[in-house]
Amino acid sequence: MNFLTVLLQSQQGGGMSMIIMMVVIFAIMYFFMIRPQNKKQKEIQNFRNSITAGTDIVTAGGIYGKVKEVNDMDNTLMVEVANGVKIKVAKNSVYASVPVDPATGK
């Protein structure tokens, strides 16, 4: 923090200190905002690529179900939402697996 204070208080070389401050601000934004978001998107994409038949999922619309078929040709999933009721959803609309409750095991 002392380094930033010295940069802000320096009157000489105003153009150079402004450039340094802009670089510092961009670095802070990168490490606290951009990098974690990219990491989260990578995890979601890895999950979508690892979906197989039998995986419990939740879609972006809040539909819970179990994957019955994976069609990589058109990037869709056949999801069973109730006994005998199947719907076709886009693979990109799947965001998470169903959390497992440790008490019930479901």
C-alpha atoms as a PDB file:
ATOM      1  CA  MET A   1       0.000   0.000   0.000  1.00  0.00           C
ATOM      2  CA  ASN A   2       2.932   2.348   0.678  1.00  0.00           C
ATOM      3  CA  PHE A   3       4.030   1.943  -2.918  1.00  0.00           C
ATOM      4  CA  LEU A   4       0.649   3.140  -4.159  1.00  0.00           C
ATOM      5  CA  THR A   5       0.705   6.078  -1.754  1.00  0.00           C
ATOM      6  CA  VAL A   6       4.141   7.139  -3.000  1.00  0.00           C
ATOM      7  CA  LEU A   7       2.932   6.904  -6.598  1.00  0.00           C
ATOM      8  CA  LEU A   8      -0.132   8.995  -5.876  1.00  0.00           C
ATOM      9  CA  GLN A   9       1.826  11.701  -4.033  1.00  0.00           C
ATOM     10  CA  SER A  10       4.594  12.073  -6.574  1.00  0.00           C
ATOM     11  CA  GLN A  11       4.245  15.287  -8.580  1.00  0.00           C
ATOM     12  CA  GLN A  12       7.105  14.673 -10.994  1.00  0.00           C
ATOM     13  CA  GLY A  13       6.607  12.340 -13.912  1.00  0.00           C
ATOM     14  CA  GLY A  14       2.818  12.548 -13.704  1.00  0.00           C
ATOM     15  CA  GLY A  15       2.374  10.684 -16.983  1.00  0.00           C
ATOM     16  CA  MET A  16       4.490   7.747 -15.889  1.00  0.00           C
ATOM     17  CA  SER A  17       2.778   7.396 -12.519  1.00  0.00           C
ATOM     18  CA  MET A  18      -0.604   7.434 -14.242  1.00  0.00           C
ATOM     19  CA  ILE A  19       0.468   4.567 -16.506  1.00  0.00           C
ATOM     20  CA  ILE A  20       1.756   2.578 -13.550  1.00  0.00           C
ATOM     21  CA  MET A  21      -1.510   3.135 -11.659  1.00  0.00           C
ATOM     22  CA  MET A  22      -3.524   1.951 -14.654  1.00  0.00           C
ATOM     23  CA  VAL A  23      -1.403  -1.220 -14.873  1.00  0.00           C
ATOM     24  CA  VAL A  24      -1.868  -1.854 -11.133  1.00  0.00           C
ATOM     25  CA  ILE A  25      -5.644  -1.373 -11.389  1.00  0.00           C
ATOM     26  CA  PHE A  26      -5.853  -3.733 -14.374  1.00  0.00           C
ATOM     27  CA  ALA A  27      -3.770  -6.358 -12.525  1.00  0.00           C
ATOM     28  CA  ILE A  28      -6.084  -6.146  -9.511  1.00  0.00           C
ATOM     29  CA  MET A  29      -9.159  -6.505 -11.730  1.00  0.00           C
ATOM     30  CA  TYR A  30      -7.608  -9.473 -13.524  1.00  0.00           C
ATOM     31  CA  PHE A  31      -6.766 -11.421 -10.356  1.00  0.00           C
ATOM     32  CA  PHE A  32     -10.008 -10.665  -8.494  1.00  0.00           C
ATOM     33  CA  MET A  33     -12.586 -10.697 -11.304  1.00  0.00           C
ATOM     34  CA  ILE A  34     -11.502 -12.095 -14.666  1.00  0.00           C
ATOM     35  CA  ARG A  35      -9.355 -15.044 -13.585  1.00  0.00           C
ATOM     36  CA  PRO A  36     -11.880 -16.597 -11.141  1.00  0.00           C
ATOM     37  CA  GLN A  37     -14.671 -16.273 -13.710  1.00  0.00           C
ATOM     38  CA  ASN A  38     -12.594 -18.026 -16.385  1.00  0.00           C
ATOM     39  CA  LYS A  39     -11.759 -20.778 -13.895  1.00  0.00           C
ATOM     40  CA  LYS A  40     -15.448 -21.281 -13.060  1.00  0.00           C
ATOM     41  CA  GLN A  41     -16.399 -21.429 -16.746  1.00  0.00           C
ATOM     42  CA  LYS A  42     -13.706 -24.055 -17.333  1.00  0.00           C
ATOM     43  CA  GLU A  43     -15.082 -26.193 -14.486  1.00  0.00           C
ATOM     44  CA  ILE A  44     -18.617 -25.971 -15.892  1.00  0.00           C
ATOM     45  CA  GLN A  45     -17.395 -26.935 -19.365  1.00  0.00           C
ATOM     46  CA  ASN A  46     -15.441 -29.904 -17.966  1.00  0.00           C
ATOM     47  CA  PHE A  47     -18.589 -31.041 -16.125  1.00  0.00           C
ATOM     48  CA  ARG A  48     -20.675 -30.779 -19.307  1.00  0.00           C
ATOM     49  CA  ASN A  49     -18.106 -32.834 -21.214  1.00  0.00           C
ATOM     50  CA  SER A  50     -18.076 -35.524 -18.505  1.00  0.00           C
ATOM     51  CA  ILE A  51     -21.867 -36.063 -18.409  1.00  0.00           C
ATOM     52  CA  THR A  52     -22.792 -39.694 -19.014  1.00  0.00           C
ATOM     53  CA  ALA A  53     -26.008 -41.694 -18.832  1.00  0.00           C
ATOM     54  CA  GLY A  54     -27.184 -41.971 -15.242  1.00  0.00           C
ATOM     55  CA  THR A  55     -25.872 -38.582 -14.101  1.00  0.00           C
ATOM     56  CA  ASP A  56     -28.283 -36.485 -12.024  1.00  0.00           C
ATOM     57  CA  ILE A  57     -28.416 -32.915 -13.335  1.00  0.00           C
ATOM     58  CA  VAL A  58     -30.114 -29.543 -12.927  1.00  0.00           C
ATOM     59  CA  THR A  59     -30.812 -27.437 -16.006  1.00  0.00           C
ATOM     60  CA  ALA A  60     -30.694 -23.646 -16.251  1.00  0.00           C
ATOM     61  CA  GLY A  61     -34.494 -23.630 -16.009  1.00  0.00           C
ATOM     62  CA  GLY A  62     -34.410 -25.511 -12.698  1.00  0.00           C
ATOM     63  CA  ILE A  63     -35.485 -28.889 -14.066  1.00  0.00           C
ATOM     64  CA  TYR A  64     -34.086 -31.820 -12.090  1.00  0.00           C
ATOM     65  CA  GLY A  65     -33.583 -35.101 -13.858  1.00  0.00           C
ATOM     66  CA  LYS A  66     -31.409 -38.060 -14.721  1.00  0.00           C
ATOM     67  CA  VAL A  67     -29.568 -38.292 -18.032  1.00  0.00           C
ATOM     68  CA  LYS A  68     -30.709 -41.265 -20.098  1.00  0.00           C
ATOM     69  CA  GLU A  69     -28.903 -40.561 -23.385  1.00  0.00           C
ATOM     70  CA  VAL A  70     -26.109 -38.272 -24.536  1.00  0.00           C
ATOM     71  CA  ASN A  71     -26.135 -37.184 -28.183  1.00  0.00           C
ATOM     72  CA  ASP A  72     -22.786 -35.602 -29.066  1.00  0.00           C
ATOM     73  CA  MET A  73     -23.790 -35.051 -32.703  1.00  0.00           C
ATOM     74  CA  ASP A  74     -26.313 -32.304 -31.921  1.00  0.00           C
ATOM     75  CA  ASN A  75     -25.019 -31.555 -28.393  1.00  0.00           C
ATOM     76  CA  THR A  76     -28.217 -32.592 -26.582  1.00  0.00           C
ATOM     77  CA  LEU A  77     -29.219 -34.779 -23.665  1.00  0.00           C
ATOM     78  CA  MET A  78     -32.291 -36.959 -23.155  1.00  0.00           C
ATOM     79  CA  VAL A  79     -33.297 -36.364 -19.531  1.00  0.00           C
ATOM     80  CA  GLU A  80     -35.863 -38.352 -17.550  1.00  0.00           C
ATOM     81  CA  VAL A  81     -37.729 -35.957 -15.237  1.00  0.00           C
ATOM     82  CA  ALA A  82     -40.293 -38.498 -13.965  1.00  0.00           C
ATOM     83  CA  ASN A  83     -40.972 -42.186 -14.517  1.00  0.00           C
ATOM     84  CA  GLY A  84     -41.448 -42.530 -18.264  1.00  0.00           C
ATOM     85  CA  VAL A  85     -41.279 -38.773 -18.941  1.00  0.00           C
ATOM     86  CA  LYS A  86     -38.257 -37.789 -21.020  1.00  0.00           C
ATOM     87  CA  ILE A  87     -37.311 -34.380 -22.366  1.00  0.00           C
ATOM     88  CA  LYS A  88     -34.588 -33.294 -24.748  1.00  0.00           C
ATOM     89  CA  VAL A  89     -32.386 -30.445 -23.481  1.00  0.00           C
ATOM     90  CA  ALA A  90     -29.346 -28.666 -24.841  1.00  0.00           C
ATOM     91  CA  LYS A  91     -26.110 -29.704 -23.173  1.00  0.00           C
ATOM     92  CA  ASN A  92     -25.188 -26.042 -22.692  1.00  0.00           C
ATOM     93  CA  SER A  93     -28.243 -25.496 -20.478  1.00  0.00           C
ATOM     94  CA  VAL A  94     -26.892 -27.871 -17.820  1.00  0.00           C
ATOM     95  CA  TYR A  95     -25.132 -26.014 -15.029  1.00  0.00           C
ATOM     96  CA  ALA A  96     -24.709 -28.337 -12.085  1.00  0.00           C
ATOM     97  CA  SER A  97     -25.100 -31.812 -10.795  1.00  0.00           C
ATOM     98  CA  VAL A  98     -27.688 -32.448  -8.118  1.00  0.00           C
ATOM     99  CA  PRO A  99     -26.179 -31.945  -4.663  1.00  0.00           C
ATOM    100  CA  VAL A 100     -26.203 -35.071  -2.499  1.00  0.00           C
ATOM    101  CA  ASP A 101     -27.609 -34.756   1.013  1.00  0.00           C
ATOM    102  CA  PRO A 102     -25.224 -36.662   3.325  1.00  0.00           C
ATOM    103  CA  ALA A 103     -28.032 -37.484   5.802  1.00  0.00           C
ATOM    104  CA  THR A 104     -30.313 -39.234   3.312  1.00  0.00           C
ATOM    105  CA  GLY A 105     -27.801 -40.210   0.659  1.00  0.00           C
ATOM    106  CA  LYS A 106     -30.087 -38.801  -2.037  1.00  0.00           C
END
